[in-house]
Amino acid sequence: MIDKRALRARTRAVRDAHGPGLIPVPRPFLDRLFPQQTIAAYRPLGAEADPALWVEAALHAGATIALPHVTDRESPIRFLRWSQGQDLAIGAFGLHQPAADAPECRPDIILTPLVGFDRRGNRLGQGAGHYDRAFATNPDAWRVGIAWNVQEVEELVPDSWDVPLHAIATESEWIVP
C-alpha cells in the first residue's frame, strides 16, 4: 500500500526543487478550444506548473476563464468567472481566487495542478479531495493535469472516489492515458 502522505511530501519536495515556471501549450489543448467555452484554470502556488500560457490561448480563442474558489477543506470548489487583469483575493490555503460574489461557471475543461501523477491518468492532489469532487460534479468536463515531469511516479493506486485525468501535460510531454 502506498503511503500517500509520504508520497505527497516527496513529490512536493521534488517539485519545489524544480522551481516555478510556465508550461507550454500543447496542440491537443489548442484543438479543443472554441468561443463561449469555459476553461477552469488556476493560479499556481509556489513551484506548481503555471498554466498562464494556456489561459492566454483560451482567451484568444474567445473562451471564458474560471478560477477555483475554496472556502475550507470540506466545502466544494466553486469555479468563478475571472477576467484578465481582475484583482484576486487571497483565500483558503493561500489560493489566489476571485471574489466570492463572482459569477459561478460550469467548466468545459478543467486544468488542475498536480502534486504527482502516473501514466494511467491517476493524480495525487493536495489531499482534501476538492478536484475529485469537482470532477464528479462536472463529469463531461475534459480533465487535464499540469505538472513538471519530475512529479511523475511509477504507479498510484486510486481510491474509490478518485476520478482519473483525460490527459497530463508537462514541460516536455503530452500524456494520454
Protein backbone atom coordinates (compact mmCIF):
# COMPACT_ATOMS: atom_id res chain seq x y z
CA MET A 1 0.00 0.00 0.00
CA ILE A 2 1.23 3.48 -0.89
CA ASP A 3 1.66 5.95 1.96
CA LYS A 4 0.08 8.98 0.25
CA ARG A 5 1.22 11.40 2.93
CA ALA A 6 4.88 10.38 2.44
CA LEU A 7 4.47 10.37 -1.35
CA ARG A 8 2.97 13.89 -1.26
CA ALA A 9 5.90 15.11 0.83
CA ARG A 10 8.40 13.53 -1.58
CA THR A 11 6.77 14.79 -4.78
CA ARG A 12 6.28 18.29 -3.32
CA ALA A 13 9.97 18.40 -2.43
CA VAL A 14 10.92 17.35 -5.97
CA ARG A 15 8.51 19.92 -7.44
CA ASP A 16 9.82 22.67 -5.14
CA ALA A 17 13.42 21.83 -6.08
CA HIS A 18 12.42 22.13 -9.75
CA GLY A 19 11.08 25.63 -9.18
CA PRO A 20 8.23 27.57 -10.81
CA GLY A 21 7.74 28.24 -14.50
CA LEU A 22 5.37 28.19 -17.44
CA ILE A 23 4.12 25.06 -19.17
CA PRO A 24 3.96 25.35 -22.99
CA VAL A 25 0.55 24.97 -24.62
CA PRO A 26 0.25 21.65 -26.46
CA ARG A 27 -1.58 21.31 -29.78
CA PRO A 28 -4.30 18.94 -28.39
CA PHE A 29 -5.40 21.70 -25.98
CA LEU A 30 -5.47 24.32 -28.73
CA ASP A 31 -7.50 21.96 -30.92
CA ARG A 32 -10.20 21.75 -28.22
CA LEU A 33 -10.66 25.50 -27.76
CA PHE A 34 -13.65 27.37 -29.15
CA PRO A 35 -15.56 30.57 -28.32
CA GLN A 36 -18.10 30.57 -25.46
CA GLN A 37 -16.33 27.66 -23.79
CA THR A 38 -15.42 27.84 -20.09
CA ILE A 39 -11.90 26.84 -19.06
CA ALA A 40 -11.27 26.31 -15.35
CA ALA A 41 -7.63 27.20 -14.74
CA TYR A 42 -5.71 28.07 -11.57
CA ARG A 43 -3.10 30.48 -10.29
CA PRO A 44 -0.03 28.49 -9.21
CA LEU A 45 1.17 28.34 -5.65
CA GLY A 46 4.89 28.06 -5.07
CA ALA A 47 6.52 25.82 -7.65
CA GLU A 48 3.30 24.50 -9.22
CA ALA A 49 3.47 24.41 -13.01
CA ASP A 50 1.97 27.66 -14.30
CA PRO A 51 -0.83 27.44 -16.93
CA ALA A 52 -0.72 31.19 -17.77
CA LEU A 53 0.09 30.49 -21.44
CA TRP A 54 -2.94 28.16 -21.60
CA VAL A 55 -5.14 30.93 -20.18
CA GLU A 56 -3.83 33.34 -22.83
CA ALA A 57 -4.58 30.81 -25.58
CA ALA A 58 -8.08 30.21 -24.24
CA LEU A 59 -8.81 33.94 -24.03
CA HIS A 60 -7.51 34.40 -27.58
CA ALA A 61 -9.95 31.68 -28.70
CA GLY A 62 -12.84 33.55 -27.07
CA ALA A 63 -13.24 31.27 -24.06
CA THR A 64 -14.26 32.33 -20.57
CA ILE A 65 -11.84 31.70 -17.73
CA ALA A 66 -12.92 30.48 -14.33
CA LEU A 67 -10.70 30.05 -11.29
CA PRO A 68 -11.30 27.87 -8.26
CA HIS A 69 -12.79 29.44 -5.15
CA VAL A 70 -12.29 27.43 -1.98
CA THR A 71 -13.57 28.40 1.46
CA ASP A 72 -12.41 25.45 3.57
CA ARG A 73 -11.35 21.80 3.45
CA GLU A 74 -14.87 20.36 3.40
CA SER A 75 -16.73 22.72 1.05
CA PRO A 76 -16.61 22.02 -2.68
CA ILE A 77 -14.66 24.11 -5.16
CA ARG A 78 -16.73 26.66 -7.00
CA PHE A 79 -15.37 27.77 -10.34
CA LEU A 80 -15.91 31.54 -10.56
CA ARG A 81 -15.54 33.74 -13.62
CA TRP A 82 -12.34 35.74 -13.84
CA SER A 83 -11.36 38.38 -16.38
CA GLN A 84 -7.76 39.16 -17.23
CA GLY A 85 -6.50 41.98 -15.01
CA GLN A 86 -9.23 41.45 -12.41
CA ASP A 87 -7.98 41.55 -8.82
CA LEU A 88 -7.84 38.28 -6.93
CA ALA A 89 -8.30 37.75 -3.21
CA ILE A 90 -6.12 35.50 -1.09
CA GLY A 91 -8.40 32.73 0.09
CA ALA A 92 -8.19 29.44 1.93
CA PHE A 93 -4.82 27.67 1.67
CA GLY A 94 -3.29 30.84 0.15
CA LEU A 95 -5.20 30.42 -3.14
CA HIS A 96 -5.45 33.44 -5.40
CA GLN A 97 -9.15 33.42 -6.22
CA PRO A 98 -11.97 35.62 -7.49
CA ALA A 99 -14.23 37.36 -5.00
CA ALA A 100 -16.94 35.10 -3.56
CA ASP A 101 -19.66 37.02 -5.41
CA ALA A 102 -18.17 36.47 -8.90
CA PRO A 103 -20.47 34.50 -11.25
CA GLU A 104 -20.19 30.73 -10.95
CA CYS A 105 -19.32 28.79 -14.12
CA ARG A 106 -19.69 25.22 -15.30
CA PRO A 107 -16.35 24.32 -16.92
CA ASP A 108 -15.92 22.51 -20.22
CA ILE A 109 -12.22 21.93 -19.49
CA ILE A 110 -10.67 21.71 -16.03
CA LEU A 111 -6.94 22.36 -15.74
CA THR A 112 -5.68 21.07 -12.43
CA PRO A 113 -2.34 21.41 -10.65
CA LEU A 114 -0.79 18.12 -9.63
CA VAL A 115 1.33 17.02 -6.71
CA GLY A 116 2.06 13.75 -8.52
CA PHE A 117 0.75 11.65 -11.40
CA ASP A 118 1.19 8.36 -13.21
CA ARG A 119 0.78 7.46 -16.88
CA ARG A 120 -2.58 5.79 -16.25
CA GLY A 121 -4.18 9.18 -15.53
CA ASN A 122 -4.14 8.87 -11.78
CA ARG A 123 -3.31 12.03 -9.87
CA LEU A 124 -2.06 12.88 -6.45
CA GLY A 125 -3.54 16.14 -5.24
CA GLN A 126 -3.30 18.11 -2.02
CA GLY A 127 -5.37 15.52 -0.16
CA ALA A 128 -8.65 17.33 0.53
CA GLY A 129 -10.49 15.84 -2.47
CA HIS A 130 -11.55 19.20 -3.89
CA TYR A 131 -10.74 18.36 -7.51
CA ASP A 132 -12.12 14.81 -7.32
CA ARG A 133 -15.44 16.24 -6.11
CA ALA A 134 -15.31 18.91 -8.85
CA PHE A 135 -14.64 16.22 -11.48
CA ALA A 136 -17.59 14.17 -10.21
CA THR A 137 -19.84 17.25 -10.31
CA ASN A 138 -18.68 18.07 -13.86
CA PRO A 139 -18.42 14.61 -15.46
CA ASP A 140 -18.47 15.94 -19.02
CA ALA A 141 -15.53 18.30 -18.47
CA TRP A 142 -12.21 17.35 -20.07
CA ARG A 143 -9.78 16.85 -17.15
CA VAL A 144 -6.17 17.89 -17.77
CA GLY A 145 -3.45 17.71 -15.13
CA ILE A 146 -0.49 20.07 -15.35
CA ALA A 147 2.84 19.25 -13.70
CA TRP A 148 6.59 19.07 -14.10
CA ASN A 149 7.87 15.79 -15.50
CA VAL A 150 9.83 15.24 -12.26
CA GLN A 151 6.47 14.79 -10.47
CA GLU A 152 5.73 11.56 -12.33
CA VAL A 153 5.60 8.43 -10.18
CA GLU A 154 5.59 4.88 -11.45
CA GLU A 155 2.16 3.95 -10.14
CA LEU A 156 -0.58 5.46 -8.00
CA VAL A 157 -3.28 3.25 -6.54
CA PRO A 158 -6.52 5.21 -6.83
CA ASP A 159 -9.09 5.32 -4.06
CA SER A 160 -12.72 4.59 -4.92
CA TRP A 161 -13.52 8.33 -5.12
CA ASP A 162 -10.57 9.26 -7.35
CA VAL A 163 -11.50 10.43 -10.85
CA PRO A 164 -8.79 9.87 -13.50
CA LEU A 165 -7.46 12.55 -15.83
CA HIS A 166 -8.04 12.54 -19.57
CA ALA A 167 -4.56 13.95 -20.20
CA ILE A 168 -1.45 15.24 -18.44
CA ALA A 169 0.82 18.00 -19.68
CA THR A 170 4.38 18.53 -18.57
CA GLU A 171 7.02 20.91 -19.88
CA SER A 172 8.18 18.24 -22.32
CA GLU A 173 5.31 15.83 -22.94
CA TRP A 174 1.59 15.39 -23.59
CA ILE A 175 0.41 12.16 -21.96
CA VAL A 176 -2.90 10.49 -22.81
CA PRO A 177 -3.60 7.51 -20.54
